[in-house]
Amino acid sequence: MSIHEVAFSIARHAAWAPGVTSSDAWAAWAAEPWPIAMGEEPKVAAMPAMLRRRAGFLGRMALEVAYDCLEGQAGVPTVFCSRHGEVARSIELLSDLARGEPLSPTAFGLAVHNASAGLFSIARADRANHVALAGGSATVEHAVIEACGMLADGAPSVLLVACDAPLPELFAAFEDCDEQPWAFAWLMTAADTRPLRLSWQGAQAGQTASTPGGLDVLRFQLGATPALVRDTGAMRWTWSRDA
């Protein structure tokens, strides 16, 4: 069975979740994770208020870490990823449709998967390439592969932004893990002397994880364990770090 692998380094990173907003708080969470509950919203102070008001809770989390991680750099391609995206906005639109009410073009534009990426590029007048994707429970892994492809094509660095939030009550019965609100960003560069590695191969279906895959990956990145193995359907993903 063939094994594929990418390697990269993280020049800078940022993370945000309700009640977990500082590096010390994230270090404590990584050492002994606790369930993260919905709560406060990030301020996204770096974004002009007119655009900031358009972003919902999920988008604000993504934008907060994107601004923090990029630190004013321009021309950096970005990969935004979220398993569920702005599903709450989509439900509102579908409910309006079911009631025969006209749909708001603005609401529709903010419900699509690349809404946060679009707001980020507009606010910064930055025409760098951006991609938005979803890949089920392996969304972060697929986003890393996409970002590594950009690095291989010659980009000096790529900003990866990952985020998710609990599903609306309507979809609660379909959750396959304990969904929680979180967002993180990595400024990725080509692999240096101590890179992170991601390899993958086909595998038999494994046991469903109890926590979101993105949080598992974030905990691995923040910690010191040598490896993390995640089974998602028919794929096995192995995260590792060079000693």
C-alpha atoms as a PDB file:
ATOM      1  CA  MET A   1       0.000   0.000   0.000  1.00  0.00           C
ATOM      2  CA  SER A   2       1.543   3.305  -1.081  1.00  0.00           C
ATOM      3  CA  ILE A   3       2.299   6.036   1.451  1.00  0.00           C
ATOM      4  CA  HIS A   4       2.371   9.713   0.522  1.00  0.00           C
ATOM      5  CA  GLU A   5       3.977  12.496   2.550  1.00  0.00           C
ATOM      6  CA  VAL A   6       4.434  16.242   2.708  1.00  0.00           C
ATOM      7  CA  ALA A   7       6.691  18.204   5.048  1.00  0.00           C
ATOM      8  CA  PHE A   8       6.623  21.845   6.056  1.00  0.00           C
ATOM      9  CA  SER A   9       7.608  24.266   8.798  1.00  0.00           C
ATOM     10  CA  ILE A  10       5.529  26.803  10.706  1.00  0.00           C
ATOM     11  CA  ALA A  11       7.083  30.260  10.848  1.00  0.00           C
ATOM     12  CA  ARG A  12       4.300  31.715  12.982  1.00  0.00           C
ATOM     13  CA  HIS A  13       1.016  30.503  14.419  1.00  0.00           C
ATOM     14  CA  ALA A  14      -2.071  31.832  16.195  1.00  0.00           C
ATOM     15  CA  ALA A  15      -5.152  30.274  17.780  1.00  0.00           C
ATOM     16  CA  TRP A  16      -8.392  31.565  19.267  1.00  0.00           C
ATOM     17  CA  ALA A  17     -11.412  30.055  20.984  1.00  0.00           C
ATOM     18  CA  PRO A  18     -13.855  31.372  23.601  1.00  0.00           C
ATOM     19  CA  GLY A  19     -12.007  31.450  26.900  1.00  0.00           C
ATOM     20  CA  VAL A  20      -8.733  30.312  25.283  1.00  0.00           C
ATOM     21  CA  THR A  21      -7.222  33.446  23.820  1.00  0.00           C
ATOM     22  CA  SER A  22      -3.606  33.614  25.015  1.00  0.00           C
ATOM     23  CA  SER A  23      -0.547  31.462  24.370  1.00  0.00           C
ATOM     24  CA  ASP A  24      -0.473  30.456  28.046  1.00  0.00           C
ATOM     25  CA  ALA A  25      -4.114  29.383  27.905  1.00  0.00           C
ATOM     26  CA  TRP A  26      -3.492  27.312  24.788  1.00  0.00           C
ATOM     27  CA  ALA A  27      -0.440  25.689  26.401  1.00  0.00           C
ATOM     28  CA  ALA A  28      -2.587  24.733  29.391  1.00  0.00           C
ATOM     29  CA  TRP A  29      -5.318  23.381  27.112  1.00  0.00           C
ATOM     30  CA  ALA A  30      -2.797  21.356  25.073  1.00  0.00           C
ATOM     31  CA  ALA A  31      -1.395  19.811  28.251  1.00  0.00           C
ATOM     32  CA  GLU A  32      -4.832  18.835  29.543  1.00  0.00           C
ATOM     33  CA  PRO A  33      -7.670  19.628  27.124  1.00  0.00           C
ATOM     34  CA  TRP A  34     -11.106  20.645  28.338  1.00  0.00           C
ATOM     35  CA  PRO A  35     -14.299  21.012  26.274  1.00  0.00           C
ATOM     36  CA  ILE A  36     -14.485  24.482  24.747  1.00  0.00           C
ATOM     37  CA  ALA A  37     -17.942  26.063  24.958  1.00  0.00           C
ATOM     38  CA  MET A  38     -19.525  28.812  22.927  1.00  0.00           C
ATOM     39  CA  GLY A  39     -19.090  32.269  24.426  1.00  0.00           C
ATOM     40  CA  GLU A  40     -17.391  35.559  23.684  1.00  0.00           C
ATOM     41  CA  GLU A  41     -16.623  36.636  20.120  1.00  0.00           C
ATOM     42  CA  PRO A  42     -13.198  37.870  18.990  1.00  0.00           C
ATOM     43  CA  LYS A  43     -12.893  41.598  18.411  1.00  0.00           C
ATOM     44  CA  VAL A  44     -11.082  41.426  15.035  1.00  0.00           C
ATOM     45  CA  ALA A  45      -9.882  44.961  15.767  1.00  0.00           C
ATOM     46  CA  ALA A  46      -7.572  44.969  12.740  1.00  0.00           C
ATOM     47  CA  MET A  47     -10.497  44.857  10.285  1.00  0.00           C
ATOM     48  CA  PRO A  48     -12.508  47.949   9.337  1.00  0.00           C
ATOM     49  CA  ALA A  49     -15.815  47.999  11.228  1.00  0.00           C
ATOM     50  CA  MET A  50     -17.970  48.057   8.074  1.00  0.00           C
ATOM     51  CA  LEU A  51     -16.568  44.715   6.946  1.00  0.00           C
ATOM     52  CA  ARG A  52     -16.182  43.259  10.432  1.00  0.00           C
ATOM     53  CA  ARG A  53     -19.926  43.617  11.041  1.00  0.00           C
ATOM     54  CA  ARG A  54     -20.609  41.285   8.117  1.00  0.00           C
ATOM     55  CA  ALA A  55     -18.720  38.394   9.653  1.00  0.00           C
ATOM     56  CA  GLY A  56     -20.540  35.903  11.854  1.00  0.00           C
ATOM     57  CA  PHE A  57     -19.042  34.084  14.835  1.00  0.00           C
ATOM     58  CA  LEU A  58     -17.179  31.516  12.731  1.00  0.00           C
ATOM     59  CA  GLY A  59     -15.846  34.153  10.357  1.00  0.00           C
ATOM     60  CA  ARG A  60     -14.673  36.366  13.215  1.00  0.00           C
ATOM     61  CA  MET A  61     -12.666  33.525  14.692  1.00  0.00           C
ATOM     62  CA  ALA A  62     -11.038  32.824  11.336  1.00  0.00           C
ATOM     63  CA  LEU A  63     -10.296  36.483  10.708  1.00  0.00           C
ATOM     64  CA  GLU A  64      -8.877  37.011  14.209  1.00  0.00           C
ATOM     65  CA  VAL A  65      -6.231  34.314  13.791  1.00  0.00           C
ATOM     66  CA  ALA A  66      -5.536  35.257  10.169  1.00  0.00           C
ATOM     67  CA  TYR A  67      -4.704  38.856  11.086  1.00  0.00           C
ATOM     68  CA  ASP A  68      -2.698  37.770  14.120  1.00  0.00           C
ATOM     69  CA  CYS A  69      -0.648  35.225  12.213  1.00  0.00           C
ATOM     70  CA  LEU A  70       0.076  37.311   9.129  1.00  0.00           C
ATOM     71  CA  GLU A  71       1.185  40.439  11.037  1.00  0.00           C
ATOM     72  CA  GLY A  72       0.574  42.847   8.166  1.00  0.00           C
ATOM     73  CA  GLN A  73       2.326  40.835   5.469  1.00  0.00           C
ATOM     74  CA  ALA A  74       0.807  41.107   1.996  1.00  0.00           C
ATOM     75  CA  GLY A  75       0.930  38.935  -1.077  1.00  0.00           C
ATOM     76  CA  VAL A  76       0.779  35.678   0.873  1.00  0.00           C
ATOM     77  CA  PRO A  77      -1.538  33.021  -0.630  1.00  0.00           C
ATOM     78  CA  THR A  78      -4.069  31.662   1.833  1.00  0.00           C
ATOM     79  CA  VAL A  79      -5.957  28.415   2.374  1.00  0.00           C
ATOM     80  CA  PHE A  80      -9.113  28.765   4.481  1.00  0.00           C
ATOM     81  CA  CYS A  81     -10.676  25.502   5.581  1.00  0.00           C
ATOM     82  CA  SER A  82     -13.717  24.516   7.620  1.00  0.00           C
ATOM     83  CA  ARG A  83     -15.590  21.246   7.763  1.00  0.00           C
ATOM     84  CA  HIS A  84     -18.997  22.842   8.239  1.00  0.00           C
ATOM     85  CA  GLY A  85     -18.454  26.444   7.195  1.00  0.00           C
ATOM     86  CA  GLU A  86     -21.224  29.008   7.674  1.00  0.00           C
ATOM     87  CA  VAL A  87     -23.905  26.339   7.995  1.00  0.00           C
ATOM     88  CA  ALA A  88     -25.976  28.481  10.392  1.00  0.00           C
ATOM     89  CA  ARG A  89     -26.336  31.160   7.703  1.00  0.00           C
ATOM     90  CA  SER A  90     -27.254  28.487   5.164  1.00  0.00           C
ATOM     91  CA  ILE A  91     -30.049  27.210   7.392  1.00  0.00           C
ATOM     92  CA  GLU A  92     -31.442  30.738   7.678  1.00  0.00           C
ATOM     93  CA  LEU A  93     -31.459  31.066   3.893  1.00  0.00           C
ATOM     94  CA  LEU A  94     -33.094  27.664   3.396  1.00  0.00           C
ATOM     95  CA  SER A  95     -35.729  28.534   6.014  1.00  0.00           C
ATOM     96  CA  ASP A  96     -36.521  31.771   4.160  1.00  0.00           C
ATOM     97  CA  LEU A  97     -36.778  29.791   0.939  1.00  0.00           C
ATOM     98  CA  ALA A  98     -39.157  27.280   2.542  1.00  0.00           C
ATOM     99  CA  ARG A  99     -41.362  30.154   3.711  1.00  0.00           C
ATOM    100  CA  GLY A 100     -41.395  31.624   0.236  1.00  0.00           C
ATOM    101  CA  GLU A 101     -39.493  34.710   1.333  1.00  0.00           C
ATOM    102  CA  PRO A 102     -36.992  36.438  -0.980  1.00  0.00           C
ATOM    103  CA  LEU A 103     -33.347  35.629  -0.342  1.00  0.00           C
ATOM    104  CA  SER A 104     -30.865  38.330   0.583  1.00  0.00           C
ATOM    105  CA  PRO A 105     -27.935  38.477  -1.864  1.00  0.00           C
ATOM    106  CA  THR A 106     -25.729  39.747   0.949  1.00  0.00           C
ATOM    107  CA  ALA A 107     -26.727  36.882   3.245  1.00  0.00           C
ATOM    108  CA  PHE A 108     -26.056  34.411   0.448  1.00  0.00           C
ATOM    109  CA  GLY A 109     -22.645  35.933  -0.243  1.00  0.00           C
ATOM    110  CA  LEU A 110     -21.702  35.527   3.414  1.00  0.00           C
ATOM    111  CA  ALA A 111     -22.938  31.921   3.594  1.00  0.00           C
ATOM    112  CA  VAL A 112     -20.572  30.513   0.976  1.00  0.00           C
ATOM    113  CA  HIS A 113     -17.438  28.673   2.049  1.00  0.00           C
ATOM    114  CA  ASN A 114     -15.012  31.374   0.918  1.00  0.00           C
ATOM    115  CA  ALA A 115     -16.824  34.251   2.648  1.00  0.00           C
ATOM    116  CA  SER A 116     -14.114  34.799   5.276  1.00  0.00           C
ATOM    117  CA  ALA A 117     -11.344  34.579   2.702  1.00  0.00           C
ATOM    118  CA  GLY A 118     -13.150  37.163   0.594  1.00  0.00           C
ATOM    119  CA  LEU A 119     -13.626  39.572   3.508  1.00  0.00           C
ATOM    120  CA  PHE A 120      -9.969  39.153   4.447  1.00  0.00           C
ATOM    121  CA  SER A 121      -8.713  39.967   0.960  1.00  0.00           C
ATOM    122  CA  ILE A 122     -11.115  42.909   0.488  1.00  0.00           C
ATOM    123  CA  ALA A 123     -10.261  44.464   3.843  1.00  0.00           C
ATOM    124  CA  ARG A 124      -6.544  44.265   3.102  1.00  0.00           C
ATOM    125  CA  ALA A 125      -6.783  45.114  -0.626  1.00  0.00           C
ATOM    126  CA  ASP A 126      -4.664  42.014  -1.151  1.00  0.00           C
ATOM    127  CA  ARG A 127      -4.993  40.170  -4.460  1.00  0.00           C
ATOM    128  CA  ALA A 128      -2.972  37.132  -3.430  1.00  0.00           C
ATOM    129  CA  ASN A 129      -4.470  33.771  -4.336  1.00  0.00           C
ATOM    130  CA  HIS A 130      -6.851  32.287  -1.799  1.00  0.00           C
ATOM    131  CA  VAL A 131      -8.582  28.905  -1.626  1.00  0.00           C
ATOM    132  CA  ALA A 132     -11.436  27.725   0.588  1.00  0.00           C
ATOM    133  CA  LEU A 133     -12.113  24.037   1.068  1.00  0.00           C
ATOM    134  CA  ALA A 134     -13.877  21.411   3.145  1.00  0.00           C
ATOM    135  CA  GLY A 135     -12.823  17.785   3.398  1.00  0.00           C
ATOM    136  CA  GLY A 136     -15.028  16.156   6.000  1.00  0.00           C
ATOM    137  CA  SER A 137     -13.305  14.989   9.167  1.00  0.00           C
ATOM    138  CA  ALA A 138      -9.947  15.276   7.355  1.00  0.00           C
ATOM    139  CA  THR A 139     -10.458  18.919   6.374  1.00  0.00           C
ATOM    140  CA  VAL A 140      -7.225  20.156   7.988  1.00  0.00           C
ATOM    141  CA  GLU A 141      -5.188  17.398   6.354  1.00  0.00           C
ATOM    142  CA  HIS A 142      -6.534  18.243   2.908  1.00  0.00           C
ATOM    143  CA  ALA A 143      -5.853  21.941   3.528  1.00  0.00           C
ATOM    144  CA  VAL A 144      -2.241  21.177   4.460  1.00  0.00           C
ATOM    145  CA  ILE A 145      -1.776  19.218   1.246  1.00  0.00           C
ATOM    146  CA  GLU A 146      -3.196  22.160  -0.732  1.00  0.00           C
ATOM    147  CA  ALA A 147      -0.890  24.601   1.060  1.00  0.00           C
ATOM    148  CA  CYS A 148       2.144  22.371   0.487  1.00  0.00           C
ATOM    149  CA  GLY A 149       1.254  22.303  -3.210  1.00  0.00           C
ATOM    150  CA  MET A 150       1.430  26.106  -3.247  1.00  0.00           C
ATOM    151  CA  LEU A 151       4.824  25.980  -1.528  1.00  0.00           C
ATOM    152  CA  ALA A 152       6.019  23.432  -4.096  1.00  0.00           C
ATOM    153  CA  ASP A 153       4.875  25.790  -6.861  1.00  0.00           C
ATOM    154  CA  GLY A 154       7.195  28.481  -5.507  1.00  0.00           C
ATOM    155  CA  ALA A 155       5.258  30.429  -2.877  1.00  0.00           C
ATOM    156  CA  PRO A 156       7.724  31.496  -0.148  1.00  0.00           C
ATOM    157  CA  SER A 157       4.984  31.083   2.474  1.00  0.00           C
ATOM    158  CA  VAL A 158       1.314  30.147   2.682  1.00  0.00           C
ATOM    159  CA  LEU A 159      -1.228  31.133   5.330  1.00  0.00           C
ATOM    160  CA  LEU A 160      -3.449  28.265   6.442  1.00  0.00           C
ATOM    161  CA  VAL A 161      -6.568  29.182   8.432  1.00  0.00           C
ATOM    162  CA  ALA A 162      -8.706  26.422   9.962  1.00  0.00           C
ATOM    163  CA  CYS A 163     -11.907  26.907  11.951  1.00  0.00           C
ATOM    164  CA  ASP A 164     -15.182  25.302  12.971  1.00  0.00           C
ATOM    165  CA  ALA A 165     -18.013  25.678  15.450  1.00  0.00           C
ATOM    166  CA  PRO A 166     -20.846  23.527  16.823  1.00  0.00           C
ATOM    167  CA  LEU A 167     -23.589  22.689  14.387  1.00  0.00           C
ATOM    168  CA  PRO A 168     -27.017  24.309  14.748  1.00  0.00           C
ATOM    169  CA  GLU A 169     -29.525  22.351  16.829  1.00  0.00           C
ATOM    170  CA  LEU A 170     -31.244  21.148  13.650  1.00  0.00           C
ATOM    171  CA  PHE A 171     -28.166  19.073  12.791  1.00  0.00           C
ATOM    172  CA  ALA A 172     -27.193  18.030  16.321  1.00  0.00           C
ATOM    173  CA  ALA A 173     -28.314  14.444  15.769  1.00  0.00           C
ATOM    174  CA  PHE A 174     -25.827  14.089  12.906  1.00  0.00           C
ATOM    175  CA  GLU A 175     -22.700  15.170  14.809  1.00  0.00           C
ATOM    176  CA  ASP A 176     -20.033  12.465  14.828  1.00  0.00           C
ATOM    177  CA  CYS A 177     -17.800  14.174  17.404  1.00  0.00           C
ATOM    178  CA  ASP A 178     -18.024  16.699  20.216  1.00  0.00           C
ATOM    179  CA  GLU A 179     -18.093  19.833  18.048  1.00  0.00           C
ATOM    180  CA  GLN A 180     -16.499  22.886  19.670  1.00  0.00           C
ATOM    181  CA  PRO A 181     -15.642  26.447  18.567  1.00  0.00           C
ATOM    182  CA  TRP A 182     -12.019  26.947  17.567  1.00  0.00           C
ATOM    183  CA  ALA A 183      -9.750  28.546  14.981  1.00  0.00           C
ATOM    184  CA  PHE A 184      -6.048  28.481  14.278  1.00  0.00           C
ATOM    185  CA  ALA A 185      -3.682  29.819  11.626  1.00  0.00           C
ATOM    186  CA  TRP A 186      -0.257  28.684  10.490  1.00  0.00           C
ATOM    187  CA  LEU A 187       2.178  30.661   8.362  1.00  0.00           C
ATOM    188  CA  MET A 188       3.674  27.696   6.525  1.00  0.00           C
ATOM    189  CA  THR A 189       7.055  27.626   4.789  1.00  0.00           C
ATOM    190  CA  ALA A 190       9.147  24.982   3.087  1.00  0.00           C
ATOM    191  CA  ALA A 191      10.519  22.352   5.469  1.00  0.00           C
ATOM    192  CA  ASP A 192      13.565  23.452   7.428  1.00  0.00           C
ATOM    193  CA  THR A 193      15.693  21.509   9.903  1.00  0.00           C
ATOM    194  CA  ARG A 194      12.774  20.522  12.182  1.00  0.00           C
ATOM    195  CA  PRO A 195       9.660  20.202  10.034  1.00  0.00           C
ATOM    196  CA  LEU A 196       6.240  18.757  10.652  1.00  0.00           C
ATOM    197  CA  ARG A 197       5.355  15.826   8.444  1.00  0.00           C
ATOM    198  CA  LEU A 198       1.996  14.555   7.262  1.00  0.00           C
ATOM    199  CA  SER A 199       1.747  11.153   5.603  1.00  0.00           C
ATOM    200  CA  TRP A 200      -1.332   9.264   4.492  1.00  0.00           C
ATOM    201  CA  GLN A 201      -2.370   5.874   3.192  1.00  0.00           C
ATOM    202  CA  GLY A 202      -5.502   3.842   2.727  1.00  0.00           C
ATOM    203  CA  ALA A 203      -6.773   2.002   5.787  1.00  0.00           C
ATOM    204  CA  GLN A 204      -9.771   0.162   7.100  1.00  0.00           C
ATOM    205  CA  ALA A 205     -12.372   2.365   8.727  1.00  0.00           C
ATOM    206  CA  GLY A 206     -11.253   3.226  12.243  1.00  0.00           C
ATOM    207  CA  GLN A 207     -13.056   4.317  15.371  1.00  0.00           C
ATOM    208  CA  THR A 208     -14.637   7.765  15.265  1.00  0.00           C
ATOM    209  CA  ALA A 209     -12.736  10.347  17.318  1.00  0.00           C
ATOM    210  CA  SER A 210     -14.564  12.123  20.138  1.00  0.00           C
ATOM    211  CA  THR A 211     -12.986  15.532  19.468  1.00  0.00           C
ATOM    212  CA  PRO A 212     -12.881  17.507  16.210  1.00  0.00           C
ATOM    213  CA  GLY A 213      -9.932  16.600  13.995  1.00  0.00           C
ATOM    214  CA  GLY A 214      -8.764  20.209  13.868  1.00  0.00           C
ATOM    215  CA  LEU A 215      -8.416  20.340  17.638  1.00  0.00           C
ATOM    216  CA  ASP A 216      -6.502  17.050  17.647  1.00  0.00           C
ATOM    217  CA  VAL A 217      -4.085  18.482  15.090  1.00  0.00           C
ATOM    218  CA  LEU A 218      -3.753  21.754  16.991  1.00  0.00           C
ATOM    219  CA  ARG A 219      -2.964  19.906  20.214  1.00  0.00           C
ATOM    220  CA  PHE A 220      -0.276  17.912  18.402  1.00  0.00           C
ATOM    221  CA  GLN A 221       1.265  21.091  16.989  1.00  0.00           C
ATOM    222  CA  LEU A 222       1.298  22.825  20.368  1.00  0.00           C
ATOM    223  CA  GLY A 223       2.607  19.819  22.267  1.00  0.00           C
ATOM    224  CA  ALA A 224       5.722  17.694  22.149  1.00  0.00           C
ATOM    225  CA  THR A 225       4.428  14.236  21.307  1.00  0.00           C
ATOM    226  CA  PRO A 226       6.341  12.706  18.373  1.00  0.00           C
ATOM    227  CA  ALA A 227       3.311  11.558  16.391  1.00  0.00           C
ATOM    228  CA  LEU A 228      -0.448  11.678  15.963  1.00  0.00           C
ATOM    229  CA  VAL A 229      -2.397   9.050  14.019  1.00  0.00           C
ATOM    230  CA  ARG A 230      -5.914   9.832  12.813  1.00  0.00           C
ATOM    231  CA  ASP A 231      -8.220   7.455  10.966  1.00  0.00           C
ATOM    232  CA  THR A 232     -10.933   9.120   8.896  1.00  0.00           C
ATOM    233  CA  GLY A 233     -13.054   6.711   6.955  1.00  0.00           C
ATOM    234  CA  ALA A 234     -10.832   4.759   4.588  1.00  0.00           C
ATOM    235  CA  MET A 235      -7.748   6.939   5.152  1.00  0.00           C
ATOM    236  CA  ARG A 236      -5.080   6.920   7.831  1.00  0.00           C
ATOM    237  CA  TRP A 237      -3.235  10.194   8.484  1.00  0.00           C
ATOM    238  CA  THR A 238       0.017  10.298  10.434  1.00  0.00           C
ATOM    239  CA  TRP A 239       1.396  13.540  11.790  1.00  0.00           C
ATOM    240  CA  SER A 240       4.988  13.503  13.011  1.00  0.00           C
ATOM    241  CA  ARG A 241       7.813  15.855  13.909  1.00  0.00           C
ATOM    242  CA  ASP A 242      11.529  15.435  13.462  1.00  0.00           C
ATOM    243  CA  ALA A 243      13.448  15.077  16.706  1.00  0.00           C
END
